[in-house]
Protein backbone atom coordinates (compact mmCIF):
# COMPACT_ATOMS: atom_id res chain seq x y z
CA MET A 1 -49.82 9.95 20.27
CA GLY A 2 -46.43 10.94 18.98
CA ALA A 3 -46.25 11.93 15.36
CA ALA A 4 -43.94 13.33 12.74
CA PHE A 5 -45.70 16.01 10.75
CA ALA A 6 -45.18 16.74 7.08
CA THR A 7 -45.84 20.37 6.16
CA ALA A 8 -46.61 21.65 2.66
CA SER A 9 -48.28 24.60 0.95
CA ILE A 10 -52.04 24.65 0.46
CA ALA A 11 -54.86 26.86 -0.74
CA LEU A 12 -58.32 25.87 0.47
CA PRO A 13 -61.80 27.25 -0.29
CA TYR A 14 -64.04 28.83 2.30
CA SER A 15 -66.61 26.67 4.03
CA GLY A 16 -70.32 26.78 3.14
CA LEU A 17 -72.70 29.60 3.81
CA ALA A 18 -75.45 28.22 6.04
CA GLN A 19 -75.78 29.77 9.47
CA GLU A 20 -76.23 27.94 12.76
CA PRO A 21 -79.97 27.50 13.37
CA GLN A 22 -81.46 29.68 16.07
CA SER A 23 -83.82 28.38 18.73
CA LYS A 24 -87.42 29.60 19.00
CA THR A 25 -89.47 30.15 22.12
CA THR A 26 -92.39 27.71 22.27
CA ALA A 27 -94.71 26.39 24.94
CA ALA A 28 -92.99 23.65 26.93
CA PRO A 29 -94.21 20.25 25.68
CA LYS A 30 -94.64 17.28 27.96
CA HIS A 31 -94.51 13.53 27.44
CA PRO A 32 -97.57 11.44 28.34
CA ASP A 33 -97.35 10.23 31.94
CA GLU A 34 -96.62 6.63 30.94
CA VAL A 35 -93.75 7.72 28.69
CA GLU A 36 -92.34 9.98 31.38
CA ARG A 37 -92.37 7.16 33.92
CA PHE A 38 -90.68 4.85 31.41
CA LEU A 39 -87.92 7.37 30.71
CA LYS A 40 -87.35 8.06 34.41
CA ARG A 41 -86.92 4.32 34.92
CA ILE A 42 -84.41 3.71 32.11
CA TYR A 43 -82.49 6.94 32.83
CA ALA A 44 -82.42 6.41 36.62
CA GLU A 45 -79.20 7.50 38.29
CA ARG A 46 -78.90 4.18 40.13
CA GLN A 47 -78.11 2.61 36.73
CA GLN A 48 -75.29 5.08 35.99
CA ARG A 49 -72.19 3.10 36.92
CA TYR A 50 -69.73 6.01 36.81
CA THR A 51 -71.79 8.89 38.12
CA PHE A 52 -69.72 10.51 40.87
CA ARG A 53 -70.89 10.07 44.43
CA ALA A 54 -69.22 10.98 47.72
CA ASP A 55 -68.95 7.33 48.78
CA TYR A 56 -67.40 6.10 45.51
CA PRO A 57 -64.92 3.37 46.54
CA GLY A 58 -61.45 4.92 46.57
CA GLY A 59 -62.80 8.47 46.30
CA PHE A 60 -62.32 11.03 43.55
CA ALA A 61 -58.97 9.79 42.26
CA LYS A 62 -60.18 6.19 41.87
CA TRP A 63 -63.43 7.34 40.24
CA GLN A 64 -61.60 9.48 37.69
CA ALA A 65 -59.02 6.80 36.90
CA GLU A 66 -61.78 4.24 36.27
CA ALA A 67 -64.27 6.51 34.50
CA ARG A 68 -62.04 8.20 31.90
CA PRO A 69 -61.04 5.05 29.95
CA ILE A 70 -64.66 3.86 29.97
CA LEU A 71 -65.77 7.19 28.49
CA ARG A 72 -63.07 6.98 25.83
CA GLY A 73 -64.38 3.55 24.89
CA LEU A 74 -67.97 4.77 24.65
CA LEU A 75 -66.86 7.63 22.38
CA GLY A 76 -65.14 5.14 20.09
CA LEU A 77 -61.70 6.69 20.53
CA ASP A 78 -60.02 3.33 21.05
CA ARG A 79 -61.67 1.97 17.91
CA ILE A 80 -60.64 5.04 15.89
CA ALA A 81 -57.05 4.60 17.08
CA ALA A 82 -57.09 0.95 16.03
CA GLN A 83 -58.59 1.77 12.63
CA VAL A 84 -56.12 4.60 12.03
CA GLY A 85 -53.17 2.39 12.93
CA ALA A 86 -49.78 3.82 12.03
CA HIS A 87 -51.17 6.78 10.07
CA GLN A 88 -49.16 9.95 10.67
CA PRO A 89 -51.12 13.23 10.41
CA ALA A 90 -49.89 15.42 7.56
CA VAL A 91 -50.26 19.20 7.89
CA LYS A 92 -50.39 21.64 4.99
CA LEU A 93 -50.09 25.40 5.51
CA GLY A 94 -50.76 28.26 3.17
CA PRO A 95 -48.96 31.62 3.18
CA ALA A 96 -49.30 33.86 6.22
CA LYS A 97 -51.35 37.04 5.93
CA ASP A 98 -50.28 40.01 8.07
CA ARG A 99 -53.23 41.40 10.03
CA GLY A 100 -51.27 43.96 12.01
CA SER A 101 -51.44 42.51 15.53
CA HIS A 102 -51.18 38.94 14.28
CA SER A 103 -50.78 36.67 11.26
CA LEU A 104 -53.41 34.43 9.70
CA GLN A 105 -52.79 31.17 7.83
CA LEU A 106 -55.13 28.62 6.30
CA GLY A 107 -54.07 25.05 6.88
CA SER A 108 -55.34 21.51 6.97
CA ILE A 109 -54.49 18.34 8.86
CA GLU A 110 -55.15 14.76 7.77
CA THR A 111 -56.24 13.33 11.12
CA GLU A 112 -56.88 9.90 9.62
CA PRO A 113 -56.72 8.51 6.08
CA ASN A 114 -59.10 10.37 3.73
CA ILE A 115 -60.07 12.88 6.44
CA ARG A 116 -58.60 16.34 6.03
CA ILE A 117 -59.67 19.02 8.52
CA PRO A 118 -59.17 22.67 7.47
CA PHE A 119 -58.20 25.17 10.15
CA TRP A 120 -57.19 28.78 10.59
CA LEU A 121 -53.95 29.42 12.45
CA LEU A 122 -53.59 32.82 14.10
CA LYS A 123 -50.27 33.82 15.67
CA PRO A 124 -49.49 36.94 17.72
CA LYS A 125 -46.55 39.15 16.87
CA GLY A 126 -43.54 39.08 19.17
CA ARG A 127 -41.55 36.36 20.86
CA GLY A 128 -43.14 33.23 22.25
CA PRO A 129 -43.72 30.70 23.42
CA PHE A 130 -47.43 31.53 23.62
CA PRO A 131 -50.29 29.54 25.16
CA LEU A 132 -52.46 27.62 22.73
CA ALA A 133 -56.19 28.18 22.16
CA MET A 134 -58.23 25.43 20.47
CA LEU A 135 -61.60 26.77 19.34
CA PRO A 136 -64.14 24.23 17.99
CA HIS A 137 -67.39 25.62 16.53
CA GLY A 138 -70.94 24.27 16.52
CA HIS A 139 -73.67 24.01 13.86
CA ASP A 140 -72.33 26.72 11.58
CA ARG A 141 -71.17 25.55 8.15
CA ARG A 142 -68.67 28.39 8.01
CA GLY A 143 -67.90 28.22 11.73
CA HIS A 144 -64.10 28.19 11.54
CA ASP A 145 -64.27 31.29 9.33
CA THR A 146 -66.60 32.95 11.86
CA TYR A 147 -64.23 32.26 14.74
CA ALA A 148 -61.20 33.51 12.81
CA GLY A 149 -62.86 36.74 11.67
CA VAL A 150 -62.90 35.64 8.02
CA TYR A 151 -66.22 37.11 6.95
CA HIS A 152 -68.21 36.28 3.84
CA ASP A 153 -70.35 39.43 3.81
CA ASP A 154 -71.42 42.35 5.99
CA ALA A 155 -74.27 40.39 7.59
CA HIS A 156 -71.84 37.63 8.60
CA ARG A 157 -69.48 40.19 10.14
CA LYS A 158 -72.27 42.03 11.96
CA LYS A 159 -73.76 38.93 13.57
CA SER A 160 -70.36 37.53 14.51
CA LEU A 161 -69.25 40.70 16.26
CA GLU A 162 -72.60 41.26 17.96
CA GLN A 163 -72.43 37.77 19.50
CA ASP A 164 -68.69 37.73 20.31
CA ARG A 165 -68.16 34.83 17.88
CA ASP A 166 -64.72 35.94 16.65
CA VAL A 167 -63.10 34.01 19.51
CA ALA A 168 -59.89 33.13 17.63
CA VAL A 169 -59.28 36.84 17.06
CA GLN A 170 -60.06 37.51 20.72
CA ALA A 171 -57.58 34.79 21.70
CA VAL A 172 -54.70 35.94 19.51
CA GLU A 173 -55.17 39.51 20.71
CA ARG A 174 -54.69 38.19 24.25
CA GLY A 175 -51.43 36.47 23.39
CA PHE A 176 -52.55 32.99 22.33
CA VAL A 177 -51.63 31.00 19.27
CA ALA A 178 -55.19 30.29 18.15
CA ILE A 179 -56.49 27.42 16.03
CA ALA A 180 -60.02 27.60 14.62
CA PRO A 181 -60.72 24.21 13.02
CA ALA A 182 -63.64 23.14 10.84
CA ILE A 183 -65.57 20.53 12.82
CA ARG A 184 -66.33 17.20 11.21
CA GLY A 185 -69.98 16.85 10.27
CA LEU A 186 -70.74 20.49 11.18
CA ALA A 187 -68.80 22.51 8.60
CA THR A 188 -69.01 22.19 4.84
CA ALA A 189 -65.22 22.35 4.61
CA ALA A 190 -64.69 19.36 6.93
CA ASN A 191 -65.04 15.76 5.77
CA GLY A 192 -68.48 14.70 6.93
CA VAL A 193 -70.82 12.19 5.33
CA PRO A 194 -73.50 14.31 3.59
CA ASP A 195 -77.12 13.21 3.32
CA VAL A 196 -76.93 12.57 -0.44
CA PHE A 197 -79.75 10.01 -0.33
CA ASN A 198 -82.06 12.33 1.66
CA ARG A 199 -82.59 9.88 4.49
CA HIS A 200 -81.81 12.32 7.30
CA GLY A 201 -83.75 15.45 6.44
CA GLY A 202 -80.82 16.92 4.54
CA ARG A 203 -78.82 17.18 7.75
CA THR A 204 -75.18 16.32 7.28
CA CYS A 205 -74.57 16.18 11.03
CA ARG A 206 -77.18 13.45 11.49
CA SER A 207 -76.14 11.55 8.38
CA HIS A 208 -72.55 11.61 9.56
CA PHE A 209 -73.54 10.46 13.05
CA MET A 210 -75.49 7.49 11.66
CA HIS A 211 -72.51 6.33 9.63
CA CYS A 212 -70.29 6.70 12.69
CA ILE A 213 -72.37 4.47 14.94
CA LEU A 214 -72.61 1.78 12.26
CA ALA A 215 -68.81 1.56 12.46
CA GLY A 216 -68.68 1.55 16.27
CA ARG A 217 -67.69 5.22 16.44
CA THR A 218 -69.46 8.41 17.47
CA ALA A 219 -69.44 11.85 15.87
CA ILE A 220 -68.30 13.38 19.16
CA GLY A 221 -65.49 10.83 19.38
CA GLU A 222 -64.27 11.80 15.91
CA ARG A 223 -64.37 15.48 16.82
CA VAL A 224 -62.40 14.85 20.01
CA TRP A 225 -59.92 12.79 17.99
CA ASP A 226 -59.44 15.67 15.54
CA MET A 227 -58.87 18.18 18.37
CA SER A 228 -56.25 15.94 19.98
CA ARG A 229 -54.38 15.48 16.71
CA LEU A 230 -54.28 19.26 16.26
CA ILE A 231 -52.92 19.60 19.80
CA ASP A 232 -50.26 16.99 18.92
CA TRP A 233 -49.16 19.08 15.97
CA ALA A 234 -49.40 22.52 17.59
CA SER A 235 -47.52 21.34 20.70
CA GLU A 236 -44.43 20.82 18.52
CA LEU A 237 -44.44 24.40 17.19
CA PRO A 238 -41.54 26.38 18.68
CA ASP A 239 -43.76 29.37 19.53
CA VAL A 240 -46.35 27.28 21.46
CA ASP A 241 -46.25 26.61 25.20
CA ALA A 242 -47.77 23.13 25.31
CA MET A 243 -48.22 23.36 29.08
CA ARG A 244 -50.97 26.00 28.62
CA VAL A 245 -53.84 24.84 26.41
CA LEU A 246 -57.27 26.48 26.33
CA MET A 247 -60.29 24.98 24.63
CA MET A 248 -63.38 27.12 24.12
CA GLY A 249 -66.47 26.60 21.96
CA ASN A 250 -70.11 27.57 21.72
CA SER A 251 -73.11 25.26 21.28
CA GLY A 252 -71.90 22.06 19.55
CA GLY A 253 -68.37 23.42 19.96
CA GLY A 254 -69.03 23.59 23.69
CA VAL A 255 -70.06 19.92 23.66
CA VAL A 256 -66.78 19.08 21.91
CA THR A 257 -64.98 21.14 24.56
CA ILE A 258 -66.61 19.22 27.44
CA TYR A 259 -65.76 15.80 26.01
CA ALA A 260 -62.27 16.76 24.81
CA ALA A 261 -61.32 18.21 28.20
CA ALA A 262 -62.63 15.07 29.90
CA CYS A 263 -60.46 12.85 27.69
CA ASP A 264 -57.34 14.90 26.92
CA GLU A 265 -55.52 16.02 30.06
CA ARG A 266 -53.30 18.41 28.09
CA ILE A 267 -56.22 20.86 28.03
CA THR A 268 -55.56 23.06 31.06
CA VAL A 269 -58.56 25.41 30.79
CA ALA A 270 -61.95 24.53 29.26
CA VAL A 271 -64.77 26.99 28.54
CA PRO A 272 -67.95 25.45 27.09
CA SER A 273 -70.53 28.09 26.12
CA CYS A 274 -74.29 27.52 25.80
CA SER A 275 -73.87 23.73 25.90
CA PHE A 276 -73.57 22.93 29.60
CA SER A 277 -76.68 21.33 31.09
CA VAL A 278 -77.58 17.64 31.27
CA ILE A 279 -77.85 15.06 28.52
CA ALA A 280 -81.50 14.33 29.29
CA SER A 281 -83.80 15.88 31.86
CA ARG A 282 -85.68 13.74 34.39
CA GLU A 283 -88.76 14.23 32.22
CA GLY A 284 -86.96 12.95 29.11
CA ARG A 285 -86.04 16.17 27.36
CA ILE A 286 -82.87 15.64 25.31
CA TYR A 287 -80.91 18.87 25.16
CA HIS A 288 -78.33 18.41 22.43
CA CYS A 289 -78.45 17.63 18.72
CA ASP A 290 -78.68 13.91 17.99
CA CYS A 291 -75.23 14.12 16.37
CA CYS A 292 -73.95 14.54 19.95
CA ALA A 293 -75.47 11.24 21.11
CA ILE A 294 -73.25 8.55 22.65
CA PRO A 295 -74.88 5.10 22.67
CA GLY A 296 -75.25 3.91 26.27
CA ILE A 297 -73.98 7.15 27.81
CA LEU A 298 -76.69 7.28 30.48
CA GLN A 299 -75.51 3.89 31.69
CA PHE A 300 -72.18 5.66 32.32
CA GLY A 301 -73.27 8.95 33.87
CA GLU A 302 -74.52 12.43 33.08
CA LEU A 303 -72.94 15.48 31.50
CA TYR A 304 -71.92 16.72 34.94
CA ASP A 305 -69.89 13.54 35.45
CA ILE A 306 -68.21 14.01 32.08
CA SER A 307 -67.52 17.66 32.96
CA GLY A 308 -66.10 16.57 36.31
CA LEU A 309 -63.43 14.52 34.57
CA THR A 310 -61.74 17.86 33.77
CA ALA A 311 -60.93 18.32 37.48
CA PRO A 312 -58.55 19.43 38.91
CA ARG A 313 -57.97 21.51 35.74
CA ARG A 314 -59.92 24.73 35.36
CA LEU A 315 -63.45 24.71 33.91
CA LEU A 316 -65.83 27.60 33.28
CA ALA A 317 -69.33 26.85 31.99
CA VAL A 318 -71.34 29.77 30.58
CA ASN A 319 -75.02 29.81 29.66
CA GLY A 320 -77.37 32.48 28.37
CA ARG A 321 -80.47 33.34 30.41
CA LYS A 322 -82.53 33.69 27.21
CA ASP A 323 -81.20 30.53 25.55
CA THR A 324 -84.34 28.40 25.12
CA LEU A 325 -82.37 25.27 24.20
CA HIS A 326 -81.66 24.54 27.87
CA THR A 327 -83.61 25.05 31.10
CA GLU A 328 -82.22 26.88 34.11
CA VAL A 329 -83.36 24.09 36.44
CA ASP A 330 -81.22 21.46 34.74
CA ILE A 331 -78.30 23.83 34.22
CA GLU A 332 -78.23 24.68 37.92
CA ARG A 333 -78.60 21.00 38.84
CA SER A 334 -75.63 20.14 36.64
CA ALA A 335 -73.53 22.99 38.01
CA SER A 336 -74.24 21.84 41.58
CA ARG A 337 -73.01 18.33 40.76
CA VAL A 338 -69.84 19.59 39.10
CA ARG A 339 -69.14 21.78 42.15
CA ALA A 340 -69.37 18.66 44.30
CA ILE A 341 -66.86 16.84 42.10
CA TYR A 342 -64.41 19.75 42.19
CA GLY A 343 -64.85 19.93 45.94
CA ALA A 344 -64.01 16.23 46.23
CA ALA A 345 -60.93 16.89 44.07
CA GLY A 346 -59.84 19.57 46.56
CA VAL A 347 -60.03 22.44 44.05
CA PRO A 348 -63.49 24.00 44.44
CA LYS A 349 -62.34 27.34 42.99
CA ASN A 350 -61.27 25.74 39.71
CA PHE A 351 -64.87 25.39 38.53
CA GLU A 352 -67.23 28.27 37.90
CA HIS A 353 -70.60 28.64 36.25
CA ARG A 354 -71.68 32.05 34.94
CA TRP A 355 -74.87 33.40 33.37
CA GLY A 356 -74.90 35.70 30.36
CA SER A 357 -77.85 38.04 30.00
CA GLU A 358 -78.81 37.10 26.42
CA GLY A 359 -79.24 33.95 24.36
CA HIS A 360 -77.27 31.28 22.48
CA ARG A 361 -73.96 33.08 21.99
CA PHE A 362 -70.50 33.77 23.42
CA TYR A 363 -69.98 36.14 26.36
CA LYS A 364 -66.41 37.38 26.10
CA ASP A 365 -66.70 39.65 29.14
CA LEU A 366 -67.51 36.61 31.29
CA MET A 367 -65.07 34.16 29.70
CA TRP A 368 -61.77 35.91 29.28
CA PRO A 369 -61.30 37.15 32.88
CA PHE A 370 -61.57 33.50 34.02
CA VAL A 371 -59.17 32.32 31.31
CA MET A 372 -56.58 35.03 31.88
CA LYS A 373 -56.37 34.36 35.63
CA SER A 374 -54.30 31.29 34.81
CA GLN A 375 -51.97 32.97 32.30
């Protein structure tokens, strides 16, 4: 999508203060046998039209060429494009703050009419062009602040640094132009549809998702749309090398990373953290927040098929051993399937899966060595 961008001055407030919820260890529940058999039947792989298999007619290239546009349709990206029409994203930027090794600016982009997405822009000192890092966050109402190292109090700073969450700062210190955007439906500062009528347990993410599907969209599709419009804009900056684009996010931001990398081939390296597993286990356990749901997705394929659409580009999936949101069995099953897809693409070394020793967090010592190998 080509676009002419208008740039103006802006001053925006911080996002809200709620933290991303943490998982709790509980005894593993189980569906009744009849329910489990029902779910196994309706989720059966034989019904997944675009799950990758070695005997797919035409092989990997044909599978990828056929599957990607179907996925885009399921996400609602084609519908969003039609509804947006000729709208040209307008970008506003505030003054740059000198942080020593880099500058920091608060900006916003109107990705579609009435939708303005705030973001932090971090630029390294020196001469570019620099690679671009896109860094979507998860269920953290102040997530873009967290990633950019814009702390609200000492507790916010302490937790962020302990869990390696300041990924935009990490990126700019490694020579990237870094963008930490507020994610629609997940951050107070982004334009979601809040649960003002208290029909969704006070959860903006679920309220927003429900309104999306009524209009033939999905929340994930909107988030992917927003990331692509930011890449459009950033690719035109003179100090950005648009041929080197990293996307990295934790939790819900990792889900955005998986889907965005599957759909937008400009992303050259993708690193989803604590989000890589399957969509639903064989026993019917759904792993991700319902705001990540795509109607009919298990008639298309599984998360490993969506991840495989990133091939032959580089993909690193990282999970925490103590993260109780996902099971090791399904994570390893998914990783095995993605390895098979990358093998069929002829680039088996371009996919890696790594385990962190703790829980639901970033692991910078595992992520950045993989990322920097391509720089």
